Amino acid sequence: MEGHEEKAAEAEFELADMEEQSDALAEQIEGARDDWEQQKQDGGVPGAGTGEETQEDDGATGEGATEVDD
């Protein structure tokens, strides 16, 4: 039965580690989002416009404006 207890303790440790990593990543994402929002408001930052003028494909997601030939 000792082997099962060791595996359970290891799994709990790994779970706690993953939760910490997840929280840290969420904080990094929020910080990057806040930074980006600030840069969009600063007219001196090249390429950081509001994006309201056009919605073009940025190549990162494969989504965006597409043309369809009829």
PDB file of N, CA and C in Angstrom:
ATOM      1  N   MET A   1       0.828  -1.191   0.000  1.00  0.00           N
ATOM      2  CA  MET A   1       0.000   0.000   0.000  1.00  0.00           C
ATOM      3  C   MET A   1       0.873   1.255   0.000  1.00  0.00           C
ATOM      4  N   GLU A   2       2.106   1.125   0.438  1.00  0.00           N
ATOM      5  CA  GLU A   2       3.009   2.264   0.527  1.00  0.00           C
ATOM      6  C   GLU A   2       3.289   2.863  -0.847  1.00  0.00           C
ATOM      7  N   GLY A   3       3.369   2.045  -1.878  1.00  0.00           N
ATOM      8  CA  GLY A   3       3.614   2.521  -3.230  1.00  0.00           C
ATOM      9  C   GLY A   3       2.504   3.436  -3.719  1.00  0.00           C
ATOM     10  N   HIS A   4       1.268   3.095  -3.388  1.00  0.00           N
ATOM     11  CA  HIS A   4       0.129   3.921  -3.785  1.00  0.00           C
ATOM     12  C   HIS A   4       0.162   5.280  -3.087  1.00  0.00           C
ATOM     13  N   GLU A   5       0.562   5.271  -1.826  1.00  0.00           N
ATOM     14  CA  GLU A   5       0.638   6.521  -1.074  1.00  0.00           C
ATOM     15  C   GLU A   5       1.721   7.427  -1.646  1.00  0.00           C
ATOM     16  N   GLU A   6       2.844   6.827  -2.042  1.00  0.00           N
ATOM     17  CA  GLU A   6       3.923   7.609  -2.649  1.00  0.00           C
ATOM     18  C   GLU A   6       3.468   8.207  -3.978  1.00  0.00           C
ATOM     19  N   LYS A   7       2.775   7.410  -4.789  1.00  0.00           N
ATOM     20  CA  LYS A   7       2.271   7.903  -6.069  1.00  0.00           C
ATOM     21  C   LYS A   7       1.241   9.016  -5.864  1.00  0.00           C
ATOM     22  N   ALA A   8       0.399   8.873  -4.850  1.00  0.00           N
ATOM     23  CA  ALA A   8      -0.598   9.899  -4.558  1.00  0.00           C
ATOM     24  C   ALA A   8       0.082  11.191  -4.117  1.00  0.00           C
ATOM     25  N   ALA A   9       1.090  11.079  -3.268  1.00  0.00           N
ATOM     26  CA  ALA A   9       1.815  12.261  -2.803  1.00  0.00           C
ATOM     27  C   ALA A   9       2.527  12.936  -3.973  1.00  0.00           C
ATOM     28  N   GLU A  10       3.109  12.154  -4.862  1.00  0.00           N
ATOM     29  CA  GLU A  10       3.786  12.709  -6.040  1.00  0.00           C
ATOM     30  C   GLU A  10       2.781  13.413  -6.949  1.00  0.00           C
ATOM     31  N   ALA A  11       1.625  12.813  -7.144  1.00  0.00           N
ATOM     32  CA  ALA A  11       0.595  13.420  -7.982  1.00  0.00           C
ATOM     33  C   ALA A  11       0.106  14.736  -7.366  1.00  0.00           C
ATOM     34  N   GLU A  12      -0.050  14.779  -6.055  1.00  0.00           N
ATOM     35  CA  GLU A  12      -0.470  16.006  -5.383  1.00  0.00           C
ATOM     36  C   GLU A  12       0.589  17.088  -5.527  1.00  0.00           C
ATOM     37  N   PHE A  13       1.864  16.696  -5.415  1.00  0.00           N
ATOM     38  CA  PHE A  13       2.953  17.655  -5.594  1.00  0.00           C
ATOM     39  C   PHE A  13       2.942  18.213  -7.019  1.00  0.00           C
ATOM     40  N   GLU A  14       2.786  17.337  -8.005  1.00  0.00           N
ATOM     41  CA  GLU A  14       2.753  17.773  -9.402  1.00  0.00           C
ATOM     42  C   GLU A  14       1.557  18.691  -9.662  1.00  0.00           C
ATOM     43  N   LEU A  15       0.416  18.375  -9.076  1.00  0.00           N
ATOM     44  CA  LEU A  15      -0.774  19.201  -9.228  1.00  0.00           C
ATOM     45  C   LEU A  15      -0.532  20.598  -8.649  1.00  0.00           C
ATOM     46  N   ALA A  16       0.049  20.664  -7.473  1.00  0.00           N
ATOM     47  CA  ALA A  16       0.332  21.957  -6.852  1.00  0.00           C
ATOM     48  C   ALA A  16       1.312  22.755  -7.709  1.00  0.00           C
ATOM     49  N   ASP A  17       2.318  22.084  -8.265  1.00  0.00           N
ATOM     50  CA  ASP A  17       3.286  22.753  -9.132  1.00  0.00           C
ATOM     51  C   ASP A  17       2.608  23.284 -10.393  1.00  0.00           C
ATOM     52  N   MET A  18       1.736  22.499 -10.992  1.00  0.00           N
ATOM     53  CA  MET A  18       1.018  22.940 -12.190  1.00  0.00           C
ATOM     54  C   MET A  18       0.111  24.132 -11.884  1.00  0.00           C
ATOM     55  N   GLU A  19      -0.523  24.115 -10.727  1.00  0.00           N
ATOM     56  CA  GLU A  19      -1.385  25.237 -10.347  1.00  0.00           C
ATOM     57  C   GLU A  19      -0.570  26.513 -10.180  1.00  0.00           C
ATOM     58  N   GLU A  20       0.618  26.401  -9.574  1.00  0.00           N
ATOM     59  CA  GLU A  20       1.488  27.563  -9.424  1.00  0.00           C
ATOM     60  C   GLU A  20       1.918  28.094 -10.790  1.00  0.00           C
ATOM     61  N   GLN A  21       2.287  27.199 -11.696  1.00  0.00           N
ATOM     62  CA  GLN A  21       2.694  27.609 -13.038  1.00  0.00           C
ATOM     63  C   GLN A  21       1.532  28.266 -13.775  1.00  0.00           C
ATOM     64  N   SER A  22       0.349  27.726 -13.614  1.00  0.00           N
ATOM     65  CA  SER A  22      -0.836  28.278 -14.256  1.00  0.00           C
ATOM     66  C   SER A  22      -1.127  29.688 -13.739  1.00  0.00           C
ATOM     67  N   ASP A  23      -1.026  29.875 -12.433  1.00  0.00           N
ATOM     68  CA  ASP A  23      -1.256  31.197 -11.844  1.00  0.00           C
ATOM     69  C   ASP A  23      -0.218  32.201 -12.334  1.00  0.00           C
ATOM     70  N   ALA A  24       1.052  31.772 -12.397  1.00  0.00           N
ATOM     71  CA  ALA A  24       2.110  32.664 -12.860  1.00  0.00           C
ATOM     72  C   ALA A  24       1.889  33.043 -14.325  1.00  0.00           C
ATOM     73  N   LEU A  25       1.478  32.096 -15.133  1.00  0.00           N
ATOM     74  CA  LEU A  25       1.208  32.380 -16.539  1.00  0.00           C
ATOM     75  C   LEU A  25       0.036  33.335 -16.685  1.00  0.00           C
ATOM     76  N   ALA A  26      -1.000  33.147 -15.890  1.00  0.00           N
ATOM     77  CA  ALA A  26      -2.159  34.045 -15.940  1.00  0.00           C
ATOM     78  C   ALA A  26      -1.744  35.471 -15.589  1.00  0.00           C
ATOM     79  N   GLU A  27      -0.839  35.629 -14.617  1.00  0.00           N
ATOM     80  CA  GLU A  27      -0.352  36.951 -14.250  1.00  0.00           C
ATOM     81  C   GLU A  27       0.458  37.563 -15.386  1.00  0.00           C
ATOM     82  N   GLN A  28       1.285  36.758 -16.064  1.00  0.00           N
ATOM     83  CA  GLN A  28       2.070  37.257 -17.190  1.00  0.00           C
ATOM     84  C   GLN A  28       1.158  37.703 -18.326  1.00  0.00           C
ATOM     85  N   ILE A  29       0.134  36.926 -18.597  1.00  0.00           N
ATOM     86  CA  ILE A  29      -0.810  37.265 -19.667  1.00  0.00           C
ATOM     87  C   ILE A  29      -1.528  38.564 -19.332  1.00  0.00           C
ATOM     88  N   GLU A  30      -1.971  38.706 -18.104  1.00  0.00           N
ATOM     89  CA  GLU A  30      -2.662  39.928 -17.692  1.00  0.00           C
ATOM     90  C   GLU A  30      -1.733  41.133 -17.802  1.00  0.00           C
ATOM     91  N   GLY A  31      -0.485  40.971 -17.397  1.00  0.00           N
ATOM     92  CA  GLY A  31       0.485  42.057 -17.505  1.00  0.00           C
ATOM     93  C   GLY A  31       0.732  42.451 -18.947  1.00  0.00           C
ATOM     94  N   ALA A  32       0.862  41.455 -19.821  1.00  0.00           N
ATOM     95  CA  ALA A  32       1.064  41.736 -21.244  1.00  0.00           C
ATOM     96  C   ALA A  32      -0.156  42.427 -21.830  1.00  0.00           C
ATOM     97  N   ARG A  33      -1.340  41.996 -21.428  1.00  0.00           N
ATOM     98  CA  ARG A  33      -2.579  42.615 -21.915  1.00  0.00           C
ATOM     99  C   ARG A  33      -2.652  44.076 -21.471  1.00  0.00           C
ATOM    100  N   ASP A  34      -2.330  44.340 -20.200  1.00  0.00           N
ATOM    101  CA  ASP A  34      -2.346  45.714 -19.697  1.00  0.00           C
ATOM    102  C   ASP A  34      -1.328  46.577 -20.439  1.00  0.00           C
ATOM    103  N   ASP A  35      -0.128  46.025 -20.660  1.00  0.00           N
ATOM    104  CA  ASP A  35       0.916  46.751 -21.382  1.00  0.00           C
ATOM    105  C   ASP A  35       0.462  47.066 -22.800  1.00  0.00           C
ATOM    106  N   TRP A  36      -0.150  46.105 -23.469  1.00  0.00           N
ATOM    107  CA  TRP A  36      -0.624  46.309 -24.832  1.00  0.00           C
ATOM    108  C   TRP A  36      -1.707  47.389 -24.879  1.00  0.00           C
ATOM    109  N   GLU A  37      -2.616  47.373 -23.929  1.00  0.00           N
ATOM    110  CA  GLU A  37      -3.666  48.385 -23.892  1.00  0.00           C
ATOM    111  C   GLU A  37      -3.065  49.778 -23.715  1.00  0.00           C
ATOM    112  N   GLN A  38      -2.030  49.888 -22.882  1.00  0.00           N
ATOM    113  CA  GLN A  38      -1.367  51.175 -22.700  1.00  0.00           C
ATOM    114  C   GLN A  38      -0.694  51.611 -23.991  1.00  0.00           C
ATOM    115  N   GLN A  39      -0.040  50.678 -24.675  1.00  0.00           N
ATOM    116  CA  GLN A  39       0.662  51.015 -25.908  1.00  0.00           C
ATOM    117  C   GLN A  39      -0.311  51.425 -27.001  1.00  0.00           C
ATOM    118  N   LYS A  40      -1.489  50.816 -27.039  1.00  0.00           N
ATOM    119  CA  LYS A  40      -2.476  51.190 -28.044  1.00  0.00           C
ATOM    120  C   LYS A  40      -2.935  52.634 -27.853  1.00  0.00           C
ATOM    121  N   GLN A  41      -2.947  53.100 -26.607  1.00  0.00           N
ATOM    122  CA  GLN A  41      -3.373  54.466 -26.311  1.00  0.00           C
ATOM    123  C   GLN A  41      -2.271  55.489 -26.590  1.00  0.00           C
ATOM    124  N   ASP A  42      -1.015  55.023 -26.696  1.00  0.00           N
ATOM    125  CA  ASP A  42       0.128  55.913 -26.918  1.00  0.00           C
ATOM    126  C   ASP A  42       0.378  56.043 -28.417  1.00  0.00           C
ATOM    127  N   GLY A  43       0.150  57.227 -28.959  1.00  0.00           N
ATOM    128  CA  GLY A  43       0.331  57.454 -30.382  1.00  0.00           C
ATOM    129  C   GLY A  43       1.779  57.327 -30.830  1.00  0.00           C
ATOM    130  N   GLY A  44       2.731  57.338 -29.916  1.00  0.00           N
ATOM    131  CA  GLY A  44       4.144  57.247 -30.260  1.00  0.00           C
ATOM    132  C   GLY A  44       4.644  55.821 -30.415  1.00  0.00           C
ATOM    133  N   VAL A  45       3.800  54.839 -30.210  1.00  0.00           N
ATOM    134  CA  VAL A  45       4.210  53.440 -30.335  1.00  0.00           C
ATOM    135  C   VAL A  45       3.815  52.942 -31.716  1.00  0.00           C
ATOM    136  N   PRO A  46       4.810  52.705 -32.587  1.00  0.00           N
ATOM    137  CA  PRO A  46       4.492  52.247 -33.946  1.00  0.00           C
ATOM    138  C   PRO A  46       3.776  50.898 -33.946  1.00  0.00           C
ATOM    139  N   GLY A  47       2.736  50.800 -34.762  1.00  0.00           N
ATOM    140  CA  GLY A  47       2.020  49.536 -34.923  1.00  0.00           C
ATOM    141  C   GLY A  47       1.078  49.181 -33.798  1.00  0.00           C
ATOM    142  N   ALA A  48       0.904  50.060 -32.857  1.00  0.00           N
ATOM    143  CA  ALA A  48       0.040  49.753 -31.718  1.00  0.00           C
ATOM    144  C   ALA A  48      -1.266  50.518 -31.808  1.00  0.00           C
ATOM    145  N   GLY A  49      -1.805  50.618 -33.017  1.00  0.00           N
ATOM    146  CA  GLY A  49      -3.083  51.304 -33.190  1.00  0.00           C
ATOM    147  C   GLY A  49      -4.203  50.541 -32.534  1.00  0.00           C
ATOM    148  N   THR A  50      -5.365  51.107 -32.553  1.00  0.00           N
ATOM    149  CA  THR A  50      -6.499  50.478 -31.891  1.00  0.00           C
ATOM    150  C   THR A  50      -7.044  49.294 -32.668  1.00  0.00           C
ATOM    151  N   GLY A  51      -6.706  49.217 -33.957  1.00  0.00           N
ATOM    152  CA  GLY A  51      -7.192  48.110 -34.768  1.00  0.00           C
ATOM    153  C   GLY A  51      -8.624  48.277 -35.213  1.00  0.00           C
ATOM    154  N   GLU A  52      -9.223  49.415 -34.921  1.00  0.00           N
ATOM    155  CA  GLU A  52     -10.616  49.641 -35.281  1.00  0.00           C
ATOM    156  C   GLU A  52     -10.773  50.002 -36.752  1.00  0.00           C
ATOM    157  N   GLU A  53      -9.676  50.507 -37.379  1.00  0.00           N
ATOM    158  CA  GLU A  53      -9.776  50.938 -38.766  1.00  0.00           C
ATOM    159  C   GLU A  53     -10.018  49.757 -39.701  1.00  0.00           C
ATOM    160  N   THR A  54      -9.218  48.702 -39.576  1.00  0.00           N
ATOM    161  CA  THR A  54      -9.354  47.525 -40.439  1.00  0.00           C
ATOM    162  C   THR A  54      -9.130  46.262 -39.625  1.00  0.00           C
ATOM    163  N   GLN A  55      -9.675  45.189 -40.096  1.00  0.00           N
ATOM    164  CA  GLN A  55      -9.458  43.881 -39.494  1.00  0.00           C
ATOM    165  C   GLN A  55      -8.776  43.009 -40.536  1.00  0.00           C
ATOM    166  N   GLU A  56      -7.455  43.066 -40.595  1.00  0.00           N
ATOM    167  CA  GLU A  56      -6.713  42.293 -41.580  1.00  0.00           C
ATOM    168  C   GLU A  56      -6.060  41.102 -40.912  1.00  0.00           C
ATOM    169  N   ASP A  57      -5.698  40.132 -41.733  1.00  0.00           N
ATOM    170  CA  ASP A  57      -5.043  38.921 -41.259  1.00  0.00           C
ATOM    171  C   ASP A  57      -3.645  39.268 -40.779  1.00  0.00           C
ATOM    172  N   ASP A  58      -3.339  38.913 -39.530  1.00  0.00           N
ATOM    173  CA  ASP A  58      -2.005  39.171 -39.015  1.00  0.00           C
ATOM    174  C   ASP A  58      -1.085  37.977 -39.222  1.00  0.00           C
ATOM    175  N   GLY A  59      -1.603  36.899 -39.796  1.00  0.00           N
ATOM    176  CA  GLY A  59      -0.794  35.728 -40.088  1.00  0.00           C
ATOM    177  C   GLY A  59      -0.579  34.822 -38.899  1.00  0.00           C
ATOM    178  N   ALA A  60      -0.900  35.262 -37.701  1.00  0.00           N
ATOM    179  CA  ALA A  60      -0.637  34.462 -36.512  1.00  0.00           C
ATOM    180  C   ALA A  60      -1.682  33.367 -36.316  1.00  0.00           C
ATOM    181  N   THR A  61      -2.930  33.672 -36.606  1.00  0.00           N
ATOM    182  CA  THR A  61      -3.980  32.700 -36.330  1.00  0.00           C
ATOM    183  C   THR A  61      -4.570  32.108 -37.589  1.00  0.00           C
ATOM    184  N   GLY A  62      -4.256  32.721 -38.727  1.00  0.00           N
ATOM    185  CA  GLY A  62      -4.842  32.255 -39.964  1.00  0.00           C
ATOM    186  C   GLY A  62      -6.248  32.801 -40.172  1.00  0.00           C
ATOM    187  N   GLU A  63      -6.696  33.646 -39.244  1.00  0.00           N
ATOM    188  CA  GLU A  63      -8.020  34.225 -39.347  1.00  0.00           C
ATOM    189  C   GLU A  63      -7.888  35.653 -39.842  1.00  0.00           C
ATOM    190  N   GLY A  64      -8.938  36.196 -40.343  1.00  0.00           N
ATOM    191  CA  GLY A  64      -8.909  37.578 -40.766  1.00  0.00           C
ATOM    192  C   GLY A  64      -9.653  37.756 -42.062  1.00  0.00           C
ATOM    193  N   ALA A  65      -9.341  38.845 -42.741  1.00  0.00           N
ATOM    194  CA  ALA A  65     -10.030  39.164 -43.983  1.00  0.00           C
ATOM    195  C   ALA A  65      -9.657  38.158 -45.058  1.00  0.00           C
ATOM    196  N   THR A  66     -10.661  37.671 -45.765  1.00  0.00           N
ATOM    197  CA  THR A  66     -10.428  36.766 -46.879  1.00  0.00           C
ATOM    198  C   THR A  66     -11.343  37.175 -48.028  1.00  0.00           C
ATOM    199  N   GLU A  67     -10.895  36.873 -49.240  1.00  0.00           N
ATOM    200  CA  GLU A  67     -11.720  37.155 -50.405  1.00  0.00           C
ATOM    201  C   GLU A  67     -12.265  35.849 -50.944  1.00  0.00           C
ATOM    202  N   VAL A  68     -13.501  35.907 -51.419  1.00  0.00           N
ATOM    203  CA  VAL A  68     -14.136  34.731 -51.994  1.00  0.00           C
ATOM    204  C   VAL A  68     -14.496  35.050 -53.437  1.00  0.00           C
ATOM    205  N   ASP A  69     -13.988  34.236 -54.363  1.00  0.00           N
ATOM    206  CA  ASP A  69     -14.322  34.422 -55.774  1.00  0.00           C
ATOM    207  C   ASP A  69     -15.589  33.676 -56.096  1.00  0.00           C
ATOM    208  N   ASP A  70     -16.527  34.370 -56.735  1.00  0.00           N
ATOM    209  CA  ASP A  70     -17.791  33.721 -57.106  1.00  0.00           C
ATOM    210  C   ASP A  70     -17.731  33.189 -58.506  1.00  0.00           C
TER     211      ASP A  70
END
